């Protein structure tokens, strides 16, 4: 155990930061999972409305250095491409059925 005041404060700070960071990490992971389930259920409108919330969480994680900013950007891009691809397939399928 540390004896110096600054070391003790550093240990306390690290604990609180770790809790905050892990919560934020879990939040964006859960948000991505929820977004993917919306896509699996073919609820494209809800997924479209939920996408900005996922973006916000990813940007916050990148800002706090929980993840690299390029990783956040890549995830956002892939989520958007997935939505566009699946909604285009859905539109195409309904056009052929009509």
PDB file of N, CA and C in Angstrom:
ATOM      1  N   UNK A   1       0.840  -1.188   0.000  1.00  0.00           N
ATOM      2  CA  UNK A   1       0.000   0.000   0.000  1.00  0.00           C
ATOM      3  C   UNK A   1       0.879   1.242   0.000  1.00  0.00           C
ATOM      4  N   UNK A   2       0.423   2.252  -0.707  1.00  0.00           N
ATOM      5  CA  UNK A   2       1.190   3.484  -0.830  1.00  0.00           C
ATOM      6  C   UNK A   2       1.158   4.277   0.476  1.00  0.00           C
ATOM      7  N   UNK A   3       2.231   5.018   0.730  1.00  0.00           N
ATOM      8  CA  UNK A   3       2.310   5.836   1.933  1.00  0.00           C
ATOM      9  C   UNK A   3       2.159   7.318   1.621  1.00  0.00           C
ATOM     10  N   UNK A   4       2.455   7.714   0.420  1.00  0.00           N
ATOM     11  CA  UNK A   4       2.460   9.122   0.050  1.00  0.00           C
ATOM     12  C   UNK A   4       1.030   9.571  -0.266  1.00  0.00           C
ATOM     13  N   UNK A   5       0.706  10.807   0.153  1.00  0.00           N
ATOM     14  CA  UNK A   5      -0.647  11.325  -0.040  1.00  0.00           C
ATOM     15  C   UNK A   5      -1.052  11.330  -1.505  1.00  0.00           C
ATOM     16  N   UNK A   6      -0.146  11.755  -2.350  1.00  0.00           N
ATOM     17  CA  UNK A   6      -0.454  11.834  -3.779  1.00  0.00           C
ATOM     18  C   UNK A   6      -0.719  10.448  -4.351  1.00  0.00           C
ATOM     19  N   UNK A   7       0.006   9.454  -3.875  1.00  0.00           N
ATOM     20  CA  UNK A   7      -0.203   8.087  -4.348  1.00  0.00           C
ATOM     21  C   UNK A   7      -1.555   7.562  -3.910  1.00  0.00           C
ATOM     22  N   UNK A   8      -1.941   7.877  -2.666  1.00  0.00           N
ATOM     23  CA  UNK A   8      -3.246   7.450  -2.165  1.00  0.00           C
ATOM     24  C   UNK A   8      -4.371   8.090  -2.980  1.00  0.00           C
ATOM     25  N   UNK A   9      -4.203   9.382  -3.270  1.00  0.00           N
ATOM     26  CA  UNK A   9      -5.205  10.075  -4.077  1.00  0.00           C
ATOM     27  C   UNK A   9      -5.266   9.487  -5.479  1.00  0.00           C
ATOM     28  N   UNK A  10      -4.114   9.148  -6.028  1.00  0.00           N
ATOM     29  CA  UNK A  10      -4.053   8.554  -7.359  1.00  0.00           C
ATOM     30  C   UNK A  10      -4.791   7.221  -7.397  1.00  0.00           C
ATOM     31  N   UNK A  11      -4.633   6.438  -6.349  1.00  0.00           N
ATOM     32  CA  UNK A  11      -5.312   5.141  -6.266  1.00  0.00           C
ATOM     33  C   UNK A  11      -6.825   5.342  -6.210  1.00  0.00           C
ATOM     34  N   UNK A  12      -7.271   6.308  -5.394  1.00  0.00           N
ATOM     35  CA  UNK A  12      -8.704   6.602  -5.288  1.00  0.00           C
ATOM     36  C   UNK A  12      -9.263   7.063  -6.628  1.00  0.00           C
ATOM     37  N   UNK A  13      -8.532   7.937  -7.290  1.00  0.00           N
ATOM     38  CA  UNK A  13      -8.973   8.474  -8.581  1.00  0.00           C
ATOM     39  C   UNK A  13      -9.060   7.388  -9.642  1.00  0.00           C
ATOM     40  N   UNK A  14      -8.074   6.517  -9.641  1.00  0.00           N
ATOM     41  CA  UNK A  14      -8.059   5.431 -10.615  1.00  0.00           C
ATOM     42  C   UNK A  14      -9.275   4.533 -10.441  1.00  0.00           C
ATOM     43  N   UNK A  15      -9.651   4.267  -9.196  1.00  0.00           N
ATOM     44  CA  UNK A  15     -10.827   3.427  -8.941  1.00  0.00           C
ATOM     45  C   UNK A  15     -12.088   4.058  -9.512  1.00  0.00           C
ATOM     46  N   UNK A  16     -12.300   5.349  -9.254  1.00  0.00           N
ATOM     47  CA  UNK A  16     -13.512   6.000  -9.738  1.00  0.00           C
ATOM     48  C   UNK A  16     -13.506   6.099 -11.263  1.00  0.00           C
ATOM     49  N   UNK A  17     -12.358   6.386 -11.846  1.00  0.00           N
ATOM     50  CA  UNK A  17     -12.264   6.470 -13.306  1.00  0.00           C
ATOM     51  C   UNK A  17     -12.522   5.111 -13.949  1.00  0.00           C
ATOM     52  N   UNK A  18     -12.030   4.044 -13.324  1.00  0.00           N
ATOM     53  CA  UNK A  18     -12.231   2.702 -13.849  1.00  0.00           C
ATOM     54  C   UNK A  18     -13.709   2.348 -13.862  1.00  0.00           C
ATOM     55  N   UNK A  19     -14.408   2.710 -12.808  1.00  0.00           N
ATOM     56  CA  UNK A  19     -15.838   2.436 -12.739  1.00  0.00           C
ATOM     57  C   UNK A  19     -16.572   3.205 -13.834  1.00  0.00           C
ATOM     58  N   UNK A  20     -16.251   4.488 -13.990  1.00  0.00           N
ATOM     59  CA  UNK A  20     -16.897   5.310 -15.018  1.00  0.00           C
ATOM     60  C   UNK A  20     -16.624   4.753 -16.409  1.00  0.00           C
ATOM     61  N   UNK A  21     -15.372   4.422 -16.672  1.00  0.00           N
ATOM     62  CA  UNK A  21     -14.996   3.931 -17.992  1.00  0.00           C
ATOM     63  C   UNK A  21     -15.661   2.595 -18.314  1.00  0.00           C
ATOM     64  N   UNK A  22     -15.712   1.702 -17.341  1.00  0.00           N
ATOM     65  CA  UNK A  22     -16.335   0.396 -17.599  1.00  0.00           C
ATOM     66  C   UNK A  22     -17.833   0.549 -17.827  1.00  0.00           C
ATOM     67  N   UNK A  23     -18.470   1.476 -17.112  1.00  0.00           N
ATOM     68  CA  UNK A  23     -19.899   1.720 -17.331  1.00  0.00           C
ATOM     69  C   UNK A  23     -20.153   2.264 -18.726  1.00  0.00           C
ATOM     70  N   UNK A  24     -19.317   3.199 -19.157  1.00  0.00           N
ATOM     71  CA  UNK A  24     -19.495   3.766 -20.488  1.00  0.00           C
ATOM     72  C   UNK A  24     -19.246   2.717 -21.567  1.00  0.00           C
ATOM     73  N   UNK A  25     -18.262   1.867 -21.339  1.00  0.00           N
ATOM     74  CA  UNK A  25     -17.965   0.791 -22.287  1.00  0.00           C
ATOM     75  C   UNK A  25     -19.155  -0.165 -22.387  1.00  0.00           C
ATOM     76  N   UNK A  26     -19.724  -0.527 -21.242  1.00  0.00           N
ATOM     77  CA  UNK A  26     -20.891  -1.409 -21.233  1.00  0.00           C
ATOM     78  C   UNK A  26     -22.091  -0.744 -21.902  1.00  0.00           C
ATOM     79  N   UNK A  27     -22.242   0.572 -21.711  1.00  0.00           N
ATOM     80  CA  UNK A  27     -23.364   1.279 -22.318  1.00  0.00           C
ATOM     81  C   UNK A  27     -23.288   1.234 -23.830  1.00  0.00           C
ATOM     82  N   UNK A  28     -22.108   1.504 -24.405  1.00  0.00           N
ATOM     83  CA  UNK A  28     -22.059   1.499 -25.866  1.00  0.00           C
ATOM     84  C   UNK A  28     -22.134   0.090 -26.420  1.00  0.00           C
ATOM     85  N   UNK A  29     -21.648  -0.896 -25.681  1.00  0.00           N
ATOM     86  CA  UNK A  29     -21.786  -2.286 -26.138  1.00  0.00           C
ATOM     87  C   UNK A  29     -23.251  -2.714 -26.139  1.00  0.00           C
ATOM     88  N   UNK A  30     -23.980  -2.378 -25.068  1.00  0.00           N
ATOM     89  CA  UNK A  30     -25.403  -2.710 -25.001  1.00  0.00           C
ATOM     90  C   UNK A  30     -26.183  -1.988 -26.089  1.00  0.00           C
ATOM     91  N   UNK A  31     -25.800  -0.736 -26.365  1.00  0.00           N
ATOM     92  CA  UNK A  31     -26.490   0.035 -27.401  1.00  0.00           C
ATOM     93  C   UNK A  31     -26.300  -0.606 -28.773  1.00  0.00           C
ATOM     94  N   UNK A  32     -25.096  -1.084 -29.050  1.00  0.00           N
ATOM     95  CA  UNK A  32     -24.831  -1.741 -30.329  1.00  0.00           C
ATOM     96  C   UNK A  32     -25.627  -3.035 -30.427  1.00  0.00           C
ATOM     97  N   UNK A  33     -25.707  -3.779 -29.324  1.00  0.00           N
ATOM     98  CA  UNK A  33     -26.484  -5.022 -29.328  1.00  0.00           C
ATOM     99  C   UNK A  33     -27.962  -4.737 -29.563  1.00  0.00           C
ATOM    100  N   UNK A  34     -28.483  -3.709 -28.912  1.00  0.00           N
ATOM    101  CA  UNK A  34     -29.890  -3.354 -29.097  1.00  0.00           C
ATOM    102  C   UNK A  34     -30.141  -2.937 -30.547  1.00  0.00           C
ATOM    103  N   UNK A  35     -29.221  -2.174 -31.115  1.00  0.00           N
ATOM    104  CA  UNK A  35     -29.333  -1.738 -32.511  1.00  0.00           C
ATOM    105  C   UNK A  35     -29.358  -2.943 -33.441  1.00  0.00           C
ATOM    106  N   UNK A  36     -28.473  -3.910 -33.181  1.00  0.00           N
ATOM    107  CA  UNK A  36     -28.431  -5.111 -34.022  1.00  0.00           C
ATOM    108  C   UNK A  36     -29.705  -5.939 -33.892  1.00  0.00           C
ATOM    109  N   UNK A  37     -30.289  -6.006 -32.694  1.00  0.00           N
ATOM    110  CA  UNK A  37     -31.542  -6.739 -32.546  1.00  0.00           C
ATOM    111  C   UNK A  37     -32.678  -6.041 -33.285  1.00  0.00           C
ATOM    112  N   UNK A  38     -32.651  -4.711 -33.295  1.00  0.00           N
ATOM    113  CA  UNK A  38     -33.663  -3.979 -34.065  1.00  0.00           C
ATOM    114  C   UNK A  38     -33.545  -4.303 -35.553  1.00  0.00           C
ATOM    115  N   UNK A  39     -32.314  -4.412 -36.030  1.00  0.00           N
ATOM    116  CA  UNK A  39     -32.107  -4.755 -37.432  1.00  0.00           C
ATOM    117  C   UNK A  39     -32.548  -6.188 -37.717  1.00  0.00           C
ATOM    118  N   UNK A  40     -32.280  -7.104 -36.793  1.00  0.00           N
ATOM    119  CA  UNK A  40     -32.682  -8.498 -36.978  1.00  0.00           C
ATOM    120  C   UNK A  40     -34.198  -8.646 -37.006  1.00  0.00           C
ATOM    121  N   UNK A  41     -34.892  -7.773 -36.269  1.00  0.00           N
ATOM    122  CA  UNK A  41     -36.346  -7.811 -36.238  1.00  0.00           C
ATOM    123  C   UNK A  41     -36.959  -7.042 -37.407  1.00  0.00           C
ATOM    124  N   UNK A  42     -36.126  -6.549 -38.302  1.00  0.00           N
ATOM    125  CA  UNK A  42     -36.553  -5.757 -39.469  1.00  0.00           C
ATOM    126  C   UNK A  42     -37.331  -4.508 -39.070  1.00  0.00           C
ATOM    127  N   UNK A  43     -36.972  -3.925 -37.941  1.00  0.00           N
ATOM    128  CA  UNK A  43     -37.580  -2.675 -37.475  1.00  0.00           C
ATOM    129  C   UNK A  43     -36.647  -1.531 -37.865  1.00  0.00           C
ATOM    130  N   UNK A  44     -36.664  -1.196 -39.154  1.00  0.00           N
ATOM    131  CA  UNK A  44     -35.682  -0.256 -39.684  1.00  0.00           C
ATOM    132  C   UNK A  44     -35.936   1.175 -39.229  1.00  0.00           C
ATOM    133  N   UNK A  45     -37.202   1.543 -39.022  1.00  0.00           N
ATOM    134  CA  UNK A  45     -37.493   2.894 -38.545  1.00  0.00           C
ATOM    135  C   UNK A  45     -36.951   3.107 -37.141  1.00  0.00           C
ATOM    136  N   UNK A  46     -37.177   2.139 -36.268  1.00  0.00           N
ATOM    137  CA  UNK A  46     -36.674   2.253 -34.900  1.00  0.00           C
ATOM    138  C   UNK A  46     -35.149   2.248 -34.891  1.00  0.00           C
ATOM    139  N   UNK A  47     -34.555   1.429 -35.750  1.00  0.00           N
ATOM    140  CA  UNK A  47     -33.093   1.391 -35.839  1.00  0.00           C
ATOM    141  C   UNK A  47     -32.559   2.729 -36.332  1.00  0.00           C
ATOM    142  N   UNK A  48     -33.245   3.324 -37.287  1.00  0.00           N
ATOM    143  CA  UNK A  48     -32.838   4.631 -37.819  1.00  0.00           C
ATOM    144  C   UNK A  48     -32.886   5.699 -36.730  1.00  0.00           C
ATOM    145  N   UNK A  49     -33.916   5.630 -35.880  1.00  0.00           N
ATOM    146  CA  UNK A  49     -34.038   6.606 -34.793  1.00  0.00           C
ATOM    147  C   UNK A  49     -33.048   6.333 -33.674  1.00  0.00           C
ATOM    148  N   UNK A  50     -32.663   5.075 -33.489  1.00  0.00           N
ATOM    149  CA  UNK A  50     -31.750   4.699 -32.409  1.00  0.00           C
ATOM    150  C   UNK A  50     -30.286   4.942 -32.779  1.00  0.00           C
ATOM    151  N   UNK A  51     -29.997   5.035 -34.068  1.00  0.00           N
ATOM    152  CA  UNK A  51     -28.613   5.186 -34.535  1.00  0.00           C
ATOM    153  C   UNK A  51     -27.908   6.419 -33.955  1.00  0.00           C
ATOM    154  N   UNK A  52     -28.534   7.599 -33.892  1.00  0.00           N
ATOM    155  CA  UNK A  52     -27.840   8.752 -33.290  1.00  0.00           C
ATOM    156  C   UNK A  52     -27.451   8.536 -31.828  1.00  0.00           C
ATOM    157  N   UNK A  53     -28.238   7.757 -31.092  1.00  0.00           N
ATOM    158  CA  UNK A  53     -27.894   7.473 -29.693  1.00  0.00           C
ATOM    159  C   UNK A  53     -26.637   6.613 -29.619  1.00  0.00           C
ATOM    160  N   UNK A  54     -26.536   5.658 -30.539  1.00  0.00           N
ATOM    161  CA  UNK A  54     -25.336   4.816 -30.589  1.00  0.00           C
ATOM    162  C   UNK A  54     -24.135   5.668 -30.968  1.00  0.00           C
ATOM    163  N   UNK A  55     -24.327   6.571 -31.936  1.00  0.00           N
ATOM    164  CA  UNK A  55     -23.250   7.485 -32.346  1.00  0.00           C
ATOM    165  C   UNK A  55     -22.754   8.291 -31.154  1.00  0.00           C
ATOM    166  N   UNK A  56     -23.691   8.803 -30.380  1.00  0.00           N
ATOM    167  CA  UNK A  56     -23.346   9.647 -29.237  1.00  0.00           C
ATOM    168  C   UNK A  56     -22.494   8.879 -28.222  1.00  0.00           C
ATOM    169  N   UNK A  57     -22.896   7.653 -27.940  1.00  0.00           N
ATOM    170  CA  UNK A  57     -22.145   6.850 -26.978  1.00  0.00           C
ATOM    171  C   UNK A  57     -20.752   6.511 -27.500  1.00  0.00           C
ATOM    172  N   UNK A  58     -20.654   6.195 -28.785  1.00  0.00           N
ATOM    173  CA  UNK A  58     -19.346   5.892 -29.368  1.00  0.00           C
ATOM    174  C   UNK A  58     -18.440   7.123 -29.352  1.00  0.00           C
ATOM    175  N   UNK A  59     -19.012   8.285 -29.641  1.00  0.00           N
ATOM    176  CA  UNK A  59     -18.222   9.519 -29.618  1.00  0.00           C
ATOM    177  C   UNK A  59     -17.737   9.848 -28.210  1.00  0.00           C
ATOM    178  N   UNK A  60     -18.598   9.605 -27.222  1.00  0.00           N
ATOM    179  CA  UNK A  60     -18.194   9.844 -25.832  1.00  0.00           C
ATOM    180  C   UNK A  60     -17.050   8.916 -25.437  1.00  0.00           C
ATOM    181  N   UNK A  61     -17.151   7.656 -25.854  1.00  0.00           N
ATOM    182  CA  UNK A  61     -16.096   6.697 -25.530  1.00  0.00           C
ATOM    183  C   UNK A  61     -14.782   7.105 -26.195  1.00  0.00           C
ATOM    184  N   UNK A  62     -14.861   7.594 -27.414  1.00  0.00           N
ATOM    185  CA  UNK A  62     -13.652   8.031 -28.112  1.00  0.00           C
ATOM    186  C   UNK A  62     -13.076   9.277 -27.456  1.00  0.00           C
ATOM    187  N   UNK A  63     -13.946  10.158 -27.013  1.00  0.00           N
ATOM    188  CA  UNK A  63     -13.498  11.387 -26.357  1.00  0.00           C
ATOM    189  C   UNK A  63     -12.764  11.099 -25.048  1.00  0.00           C
ATOM    190  N   UNK A  64     -13.247  10.098 -24.311  1.00  0.00           N
ATOM    191  CA  UNK A  64     -12.638   9.742 -23.033  1.00  0.00           C
ATOM    192  C   UNK A  64     -11.479   8.749 -23.182  1.00  0.00           C
ATOM    193  N   UNK A  65     -11.087   8.446 -24.409  1.00  0.00           N
ATOM    194  CA  UNK A  65     -10.006   7.496 -24.700  1.00  0.00           C
ATOM    195  C   UNK A  65     -10.311   6.092 -24.208  1.00  0.00           C
ATOM    196  N   UNK A  66     -11.584   5.742 -24.143  1.00  0.00           N
ATOM    197  CA  UNK A  66     -11.963   4.371 -23.825  1.00  0.00           C
ATOM    198  C   UNK A  66     -11.757   3.518 -25.061  1.00  0.00           C
ATOM    199  N   UNK A  67     -11.945   4.139 -26.214  1.00  0.00           N
ATOM    200  CA  UNK A  67     -11.636   3.490 -27.486  1.00  0.00           C
ATOM    201  C   UNK A  67     -10.999   4.535 -28.392  1.00  0.00           C
ATOM    202  N   UNK A  68     -10.259   4.061 -29.360  1.00  0.00           N
ATOM    203  CA  UNK A  68      -9.607   4.957 -30.303  1.00  0.00           C
ATOM    204  C   UNK A  68     -10.658   5.644 -31.165  1.00  0.00           C
ATOM    205  N   UNK A  69     -10.389   6.893 -31.553  1.00  0.00           N
ATOM    206  CA  UNK A  69     -11.391   7.628 -32.337  1.00  0.00           C
ATOM    207  C   UNK A  69     -11.616   6.981 -33.701  1.00  0.00           C
ATOM    208  N   UNK A  70     -10.588   6.362 -34.261  1.00  0.00           N
ATOM    209  CA  UNK A  70     -10.757   5.683 -35.544  1.00  0.00           C
ATOM    210  C   UNK A  70     -11.600   4.416 -35.389  1.00  0.00           C
ATOM    211  N   UNK A  71     -11.471   3.747 -34.261  1.00  0.00           N
ATOM    212  CA  UNK A  71     -12.302   2.569 -33.999  1.00  0.00           C
ATOM    213  C   UNK A  71     -13.761   2.976 -33.882  1.00  0.00           C
ATOM    214  N   UNK A  72     -14.020   4.086 -33.204  1.00  0.00           N
ATOM    215  CA  UNK A  72     -15.387   4.575 -33.075  1.00  0.00           C
ATOM    216  C   UNK A  72     -15.944   4.942 -34.444  1.00  0.00           C
ATOM    217  N   UNK A  73     -15.127   5.587 -35.242  1.00  0.00           N
ATOM    218  CA  UNK A  73     -15.557   5.980 -36.584  1.00  0.00           C
ATOM    219  C   UNK A  73     -15.851   4.757 -37.442  1.00  0.00           C
ATOM    220  N   UNK A  74     -15.008   3.750 -37.347  1.00  0.00           N
ATOM    221  CA  UNK A  74     -15.202   2.514 -38.113  1.00  0.00           C
ATOM    222  C   UNK A  74     -16.490   1.807 -37.692  1.00  0.00           C
ATOM    223  N   UNK A  75     -16.740   1.745 -36.377  1.00  0.00           N
ATOM    224  CA  UNK A  75     -17.964   1.108 -35.889  1.00  0.00           C
ATOM    225  C   UNK A  75     -19.195   1.858 -36.386  1.00  0.00           C
ATOM    226  N   UNK A  76     -19.162   3.188 -36.325  1.00  0.00           N
ATOM    227  CA  UNK A  76     -20.295   3.983 -36.789  1.00  0.00           C
ATOM    228  C   UNK A  76     -20.544   3.748 -38.271  1.00  0.00           C
ATOM    229  N   UNK A  77     -19.480   3.697 -39.036  1.00  0.00           N
ATOM    230  CA  UNK A  77     -19.609   3.477 -40.473  1.00  0.00           C
ATOM    231  C   UNK A  77     -20.220   2.114 -40.766  1.00  0.00           C
ATOM    232  N   UNK A  78     -19.745   1.093 -40.092  1.00  0.00           N
ATOM    233  CA  UNK A  78     -20.243  -0.262 -40.337  1.00  0.00           C
ATOM    234  C   UNK A  78     -21.694  -0.415 -39.916  1.00  0.00           C
ATOM    235  N   UNK A  79     -22.078   0.244 -38.821  1.00  0.00           N
ATOM    236  CA  UNK A  79     -23.471   0.188 -38.389  1.00  0.00           C
ATOM    237  C   UNK A  79     -24.382   0.860 -39.408  1.00  0.00           C
ATOM    238  N   UNK A  80     -23.932   1.972 -39.963  1.00  0.00           N
ATOM    239  CA  UNK A  80     -24.724   2.676 -40.963  1.00  0.00           C
ATOM    240  C   UNK A  80     -24.833   1.869 -42.246  1.00  0.00           C
ATOM    241  N   UNK A  81     -23.731   1.282 -42.676  1.00  0.00           N
ATOM    242  CA  UNK A  81     -23.742   0.461 -43.891  1.00  0.00           C
ATOM    243  C   UNK A  81     -24.677  -0.724 -43.713  1.00  0.00           C
ATOM    244  N   UNK A  82     -24.654  -1.317 -42.530  1.00  0.00           N
ATOM    245  CA  UNK A  82     -25.524  -2.463 -42.251  1.00  0.00           C
ATOM    246  C   UNK A  82     -26.992  -2.061 -42.363  1.00  0.00           C
ATOM    247  N   UNK A  83     -27.341  -0.911 -41.793  1.00  0.00           N
ATOM    248  CA  UNK A  83     -28.715  -0.434 -41.876  1.00  0.00           C
ATOM    249  C   UNK A  83     -29.113  -0.180 -43.323  1.00  0.00           C
ATOM    250  N   UNK A  84     -28.261   0.499 -44.065  1.00  0.00           N
ATOM    251  CA  UNK A  84     -28.583   0.827 -45.455  1.00  0.00           C
ATOM    252  C   UNK A  84     -28.719  -0.434 -46.299  1.00  0.00           C
ATOM    253  N   UNK A  85     -27.840  -1.398 -46.092  1.00  0.00           N
ATOM    254  CA  UNK A  85     -27.881  -2.631 -46.872  1.00  0.00           C
ATOM    255  C   UNK A  85     -29.154  -3.424 -46.589  1.00  0.00           C
ATOM    256  N   UNK A  86     -29.479  -3.581 -45.309  1.00  0.00           N
ATOM    257  CA  UNK A  86     -30.661  -4.359 -44.945  1.00  0.00           C
ATOM    258  C   UNK A  86     -31.954  -3.668 -45.353  1.00  0.00           C
ATOM    259  N   UNK A  87     -32.014  -2.350 -45.207  1.00  0.00           N
ATOM    260  CA  UNK A  87     -33.238  -1.648 -45.604  1.00  0.00           C
ATOM    261  C   UNK A  87     -33.396  -1.665 -47.121  1.00  0.00           C
ATOM    262  N   UNK A  88     -32.294  -1.621 -47.866  1.00  0.00           N
ATOM    263  CA  UNK A  88     -32.379  -1.722 -49.325  1.00  0.00           C
ATOM    264  C   UNK A  88     -32.869  -3.102 -49.745  1.00  0.00           C
ATOM    265  N   UNK A  89     -32.389  -4.140 -49.060  1.00  0.00           N
ATOM    266  CA  UNK A  89     -32.860  -5.493 -49.355  1.00  0.00           C
ATOM    267  C   UNK A  89     -34.350  -5.635 -49.048  1.00  0.00           C
ATOM    268  N   UNK A  90     -34.789  -5.001 -47.962  1.00  0.00           N
ATOM    269  CA  UNK A  90     -36.197  -5.069 -47.576  1.00  0.00           C
ATOM    270  C   UNK A  90     -37.071  -4.371 -48.617  1.00  0.00           C
ATOM    271  N   UNK A  91     -36.625  -3.203 -49.084  1.00  0.00           N
ATOM    272  CA  UNK A  91     -37.371  -2.466 -50.095  1.00  0.00           C
ATOM    273  C   UNK A  91     -37.431  -3.277 -51.388  1.00  0.00           C
ATOM    274  N   UNK A  92     -36.315  -3.890 -51.741  1.00  0.00           N
ATOM    275  CA  UNK A  92     -36.251  -4.700 -52.950  1.00  0.00           C
ATOM    276  C   UNK A  92     -37.186  -5.908 -52.844  1.00  0.00           C
ATOM    277  N   UNK A  93     -37.218  -6.537 -51.680  1.00  0.00           N
ATOM    278  CA  UNK A  93     -38.070  -7.711 -51.473  1.00  0.00           C
ATOM    279  C   UNK A  93     -39.550  -7.331 -51.539  1.00  0.00           C
ATOM    280  N   UNK A  94     -39.920  -6.200 -50.976  1.00  0.00           N
ATOM    281  CA  UNK A  94     -41.317  -5.796 -51.035  1.00  0.00           C
ATOM    282  C   UNK A  94     -41.714  -5.377 -52.453  1.00  0.00           C
ATOM    283  N   UNK A  95     -40.761  -4.839 -53.217  1.00  0.00           N
ATOM    284  CA  UNK A  95     -41.063  -4.437 -54.590  1.00  0.00           C
ATOM    285  C   UNK A  95     -41.299  -5.672 -55.464  1.00  0.00           C
ATOM    286  N   UNK A  96     -40.555  -6.737 -55.236  1.00  0.00           N
ATOM    287  CA  UNK A  96     -40.723  -7.960 -56.029  1.00  0.00           C
ATOM    288  C   UNK A  96     -41.980  -8.717 -55.629  1.00  0.00           C
ATOM    289  N   UNK A  97     -42.406  -8.591 -54.369  1.00  0.00           N
ATOM    290  CA  UNK A  97     -43.609  -9.267 -53.909  1.00  0.00           C
ATOM    291  C   UNK A  97     -44.877  -8.571 -54.371  1.00  0.00           C
ATOM    292  N   UNK A  98     -44.781  -7.277 -54.649  1.00  0.00           N
ATOM    293  CA  UNK A  98     -45.985  -6.521 -55.043  1.00  0.00           C
ATOM    294  C   UNK A  98     -46.400  -6.746 -56.461  1.00  0.00           C
TER     295      UNK A  98
END
